[in-house]
Amino acid sequence: MSGMTDIVFLLLIFFMLTSTLIVPLAQDLELPESNNQTQSNPVLVVSIAPDRSIWVDDQSYNLGELENVLRLKLESYGEAPTVRLNADKNLNMEEVFAFLDIAKRNSYKVILGTRPGN
């Protein structure tokens, strides 16, 4: 009987540890669908909501201060850190292109956050 209890506790610990690895969305976004899911470990998650607000680490910023915020947060991660961009699928693409320009100027790798397709 104690063997079964050990297994249950090990499973509990496993699920507790793996659930902390999931990156939550800062905002309630409707991500675009994609059948091509790539696994990557982004250093930072940037979310752009439909109301054009930009979120980094659960804090809202405007587009003008985003580049300085990203530089401060990513300066200790080496030459080309990876940033995950969660952009709402109903968003005007101007904000996405502005973010991509910032990423290109600073040599950040960008992956687009999507949800699995049907």
C-alpha atoms as a PDB file:
ATOM      1  CA  MET A   1       0.000   0.000   0.000  1.00  0.00           C
ATOM      2  CA  SER A   2       2.842   2.418   0.765  1.00  0.00           C
ATOM      3  CA  GLY A   3       4.247   1.821  -2.744  1.00  0.00           C
ATOM      4  CA  MET A   4       1.029   3.138  -4.290  1.00  0.00           C
ATOM      5  CA  THR A   5       1.141   6.205  -2.039  1.00  0.00           C
ATOM      6  CA  ASP A   6       4.714   6.916  -3.162  1.00  0.00           C
ATOM      7  CA  ILE A   7       3.677   6.724  -6.811  1.00  0.00           C
ATOM      8  CA  VAL A   8       0.745   9.089  -6.245  1.00  0.00           C
ATOM      9  CA  PHE A   9       2.987  11.634  -4.517  1.00  0.00           C
ATOM     10  CA  LEU A  10       5.599  11.393  -7.286  1.00  0.00           C
ATOM     11  CA  LEU A  11       2.914  12.007  -9.902  1.00  0.00           C
ATOM     12  CA  LEU A  12       1.605  14.939  -7.910  1.00  0.00           C
ATOM     13  CA  ILE A  13       5.072  16.474  -7.721  1.00  0.00           C
ATOM     14  CA  PHE A  14       5.605  15.876 -11.452  1.00  0.00           C
ATOM     15  CA  PHE A  15       2.380  17.649 -12.420  1.00  0.00           C
ATOM     16  CA  MET A  16       3.061  20.523 -10.046  1.00  0.00           C
ATOM     17  CA  LEU A  17       6.497  21.094 -11.591  1.00  0.00           C
ATOM     18  CA  THR A  18       5.392  20.812 -15.213  1.00  0.00           C
ATOM     19  CA  SER A  19       2.410  23.109 -14.734  1.00  0.00           C
ATOM     20  CA  THR A  20       4.758  25.928 -13.682  1.00  0.00           C
ATOM     21  CA  LEU A  21       6.522  25.729 -17.056  1.00  0.00           C
ATOM     22  CA  ILE A  22       3.435  26.928 -18.939  1.00  0.00           C
ATOM     23  CA  VAL A  23       3.636  30.631 -19.833  1.00  0.00           C
ATOM     24  CA  PRO A  24       0.319  32.321 -19.063  1.00  0.00           C
ATOM     25  CA  LEU A  25      -1.052  35.128 -21.207  1.00  0.00           C
ATOM     26  CA  ALA A  26      -0.927  38.546 -19.601  1.00  0.00           C
ATOM     27  CA  GLN A  27      -4.142  39.511 -21.341  1.00  0.00           C
ATOM     28  CA  ASP A  28      -7.136  37.618 -22.606  1.00  0.00           C
ATOM     29  CA  LEU A  29      -6.018  37.289 -26.221  1.00  0.00           C
ATOM     30  CA  GLU A  30      -7.419  35.327 -29.118  1.00  0.00           C
ATOM     31  CA  LEU A  31      -4.291  33.951 -30.748  1.00  0.00           C
ATOM     32  CA  PRO A  32      -4.231  32.905 -34.405  1.00  0.00           C
ATOM     33  CA  GLU A  33      -4.459  29.192 -35.203  1.00  0.00           C
ATOM     34  CA  SER A  34      -1.576  27.211 -36.615  1.00  0.00           C
ATOM     35  CA  ASN A  35      -0.989  23.548 -37.356  1.00  0.00           C
ATOM     36  CA  ASN A  36       2.788  24.044 -37.179  1.00  0.00           C
ATOM     37  CA  GLN A  37       3.675  24.238 -33.508  1.00  0.00           C
ATOM     38  CA  THR A  38       7.351  24.873 -32.747  1.00  0.00           C
ATOM     39  CA  GLN A  39       8.651  24.335 -29.250  1.00  0.00           C
ATOM     40  CA  SER A  40      11.020  27.023 -28.043  1.00  0.00           C
ATOM     41  CA  ASN A  41      12.002  28.497 -24.714  1.00  0.00           C
ATOM     42  CA  PRO A  42      11.446  32.229 -24.958  1.00  0.00           C
ATOM     43  CA  VAL A  43      13.223  34.450 -22.489  1.00  0.00           C
ATOM     44  CA  LEU A  44      10.414  37.020 -22.441  1.00  0.00           C
ATOM     45  CA  VAL A  45       6.771  37.143 -23.512  1.00  0.00           C
ATOM     46  CA  VAL A  46       5.340  40.305 -25.090  1.00  0.00           C
ATOM     47  CA  SER A  47       1.564  40.492 -25.561  1.00  0.00           C
ATOM     48  CA  ILE A  48      -0.312  42.979 -27.708  1.00  0.00           C
ATOM     49  CA  ALA A  49      -4.026  43.228 -26.867  1.00  0.00           C
ATOM     50  CA  PRO A  50      -6.811  44.296 -29.261  1.00  0.00           C
ATOM     51  CA  ASP A  51      -6.951  47.705 -27.564  1.00  0.00           C
ATOM     52  CA  ARG A  52      -3.297  48.216 -28.681  1.00  0.00           C
ATOM     53  CA  SER A  53      -1.921  47.916 -25.145  1.00  0.00           C
ATOM     54  CA  ILE A  54       1.448  46.177 -24.927  1.00  0.00           C
ATOM     55  CA  TRP A  55       2.185  43.909 -21.980  1.00  0.00           C
ATOM     56  CA  VAL A  56       5.583  42.705 -20.768  1.00  0.00           C
ATOM     57  CA  ASP A  57       5.706  40.651 -17.559  1.00  0.00           C
ATOM     58  CA  ASP A  58       2.126  41.563 -16.583  1.00  0.00           C
ATOM     59  CA  GLN A  59       2.844  45.283 -16.859  1.00  0.00           C
ATOM     60  CA  SER A  60       1.466  47.586 -19.545  1.00  0.00           C
ATOM     61  CA  TYR A  61       3.722  49.824 -21.645  1.00  0.00           C
ATOM     62  CA  ASN A  62       3.221  52.082 -24.638  1.00  0.00           C
ATOM     63  CA  LEU A  63       5.041  51.571 -27.917  1.00  0.00           C
ATOM     64  CA  GLY A  64       7.404  54.491 -27.303  1.00  0.00           C
ATOM     65  CA  GLU A  65       8.910  52.979 -24.156  1.00  0.00           C
ATOM     66  CA  LEU A  66       8.887  49.346 -25.326  1.00  0.00           C
ATOM     67  CA  GLU A  67      12.374  49.320 -26.839  1.00  0.00           C
ATOM     68  CA  ASN A  68      14.028  50.619 -23.654  1.00  0.00           C
ATOM     69  CA  VAL A  69      12.052  48.171 -21.502  1.00  0.00           C
ATOM     70  CA  LEU A  70      13.104  45.238 -23.702  1.00  0.00           C
ATOM     71  CA  ARG A  71      16.753  46.325 -23.621  1.00  0.00           C
ATOM     72  CA  LEU A  72      16.727  46.489 -19.819  1.00  0.00           C
ATOM     73  CA  LYS A  73      15.017  43.122 -19.420  1.00  0.00           C
ATOM     74  CA  LEU A  74      17.094  41.298 -22.048  1.00  0.00           C
ATOM     75  CA  GLU A  75      20.574  42.752 -21.536  1.00  0.00           C
ATOM     76  CA  SER A  76      21.721  39.828 -19.378  1.00  0.00           C
ATOM     77  CA  TYR A  77      20.595  37.108 -21.828  1.00  0.00           C
ATOM     78  CA  GLY A  78      23.395  37.291 -24.322  1.00  0.00           C
ATOM     79  CA  GLU A  79      23.596  38.210 -27.966  1.00  0.00           C
ATOM     80  CA  ALA A  80      20.263  37.074 -29.493  1.00  0.00           C
ATOM     81  CA  PRO A  81      17.594  36.277 -26.877  1.00  0.00           C
ATOM     82  CA  THR A  82      14.267  34.796 -27.965  1.00  0.00           C
ATOM     83  CA  VAL A  83      11.076  36.785 -27.422  1.00  0.00           C
ATOM     84  CA  ARG A  84       7.610  35.303 -27.819  1.00  0.00           C
ATOM     85  CA  LEU A  85       5.039  37.652 -29.330  1.00  0.00           C
ATOM     86  CA  ASN A  86       1.406  36.996 -28.420  1.00  0.00           C
ATOM     87  CA  ALA A  87      -0.619  39.230 -30.717  1.00  0.00           C
ATOM     88  CA  ASP A  88      -4.403  39.065 -30.881  1.00  0.00           C
ATOM     89  CA  LYS A  89      -5.568  37.793 -34.268  1.00  0.00           C
ATOM     90  CA  ASN A  90      -7.979  40.743 -34.661  1.00  0.00           C
ATOM     91  CA  LEU A  91      -5.198  43.280 -34.101  1.00  0.00           C
ATOM     92  CA  ASN A  92      -4.145  45.794 -36.726  1.00  0.00           C
ATOM     93  CA  MET A  93      -0.714  44.724 -37.929  1.00  0.00           C
ATOM     94  CA  GLU A  94       0.935  48.145 -37.378  1.00  0.00           C
ATOM     95  CA  GLU A  95       1.802  47.303 -33.764  1.00  0.00           C
ATOM     96  CA  VAL A  96       3.184  43.906 -34.771  1.00  0.00           C
ATOM     97  CA  PHE A  97       5.396  45.480 -37.439  1.00  0.00           C
ATOM     98  CA  ALA A  98       6.587  48.133 -34.979  1.00  0.00           C
ATOM     99  CA  PHE A  99       7.545  45.363 -32.527  1.00  0.00           C
ATOM    100  CA  LEU A 100       9.325  43.419 -35.281  1.00  0.00           C
ATOM    101  CA  ASP A 101      11.307  46.545 -36.191  1.00  0.00           C
ATOM    102  CA  ILE A 102      12.418  46.883 -32.564  1.00  0.00           C
ATOM    103  CA  ALA A 103      13.394  43.201 -32.501  1.00  0.00           C
ATOM    104  CA  LYS A 104      15.374  43.522 -35.733  1.00  0.00           C
ATOM    105  CA  ARG A 105      17.275  46.613 -34.534  1.00  0.00           C
ATOM    106  CA  ASN A 106      18.267  44.797 -31.342  1.00  0.00           C
ATOM    107  CA  SER A 107      18.901  41.330 -32.874  1.00  0.00           C
ATOM    108  CA  TYR A 108      16.146  39.573 -30.922  1.00  0.00           C
ATOM    109  CA  LYS A 109      14.779  36.280 -32.193  1.00  0.00           C
ATOM    110  CA  VAL A 110      10.979  36.383 -32.326  1.00  0.00           C
ATOM    111  CA  ILE A 111       8.514  33.518 -32.258  1.00  0.00           C
ATOM    112  CA  LEU A 112       4.805  34.080 -32.762  1.00  0.00           C
ATOM    113  CA  GLY A 113       2.469  32.666 -30.134  1.00  0.00           C
ATOM    114  CA  THR A 114      -0.357  30.635 -31.703  1.00  0.00           C
ATOM    115  CA  ARG A 115      -2.966  28.163 -30.566  1.00  0.00           C
ATOM    116  CA  PRO A 116      -3.172  24.671 -32.040  1.00  0.00           C
ATOM    117  CA  GLY A 117      -5.407  24.339 -35.107  1.00  0.00           C
ATOM    118  CA  ASN A 118      -8.212  21.840 -35.434  1.00  0.00           C
END
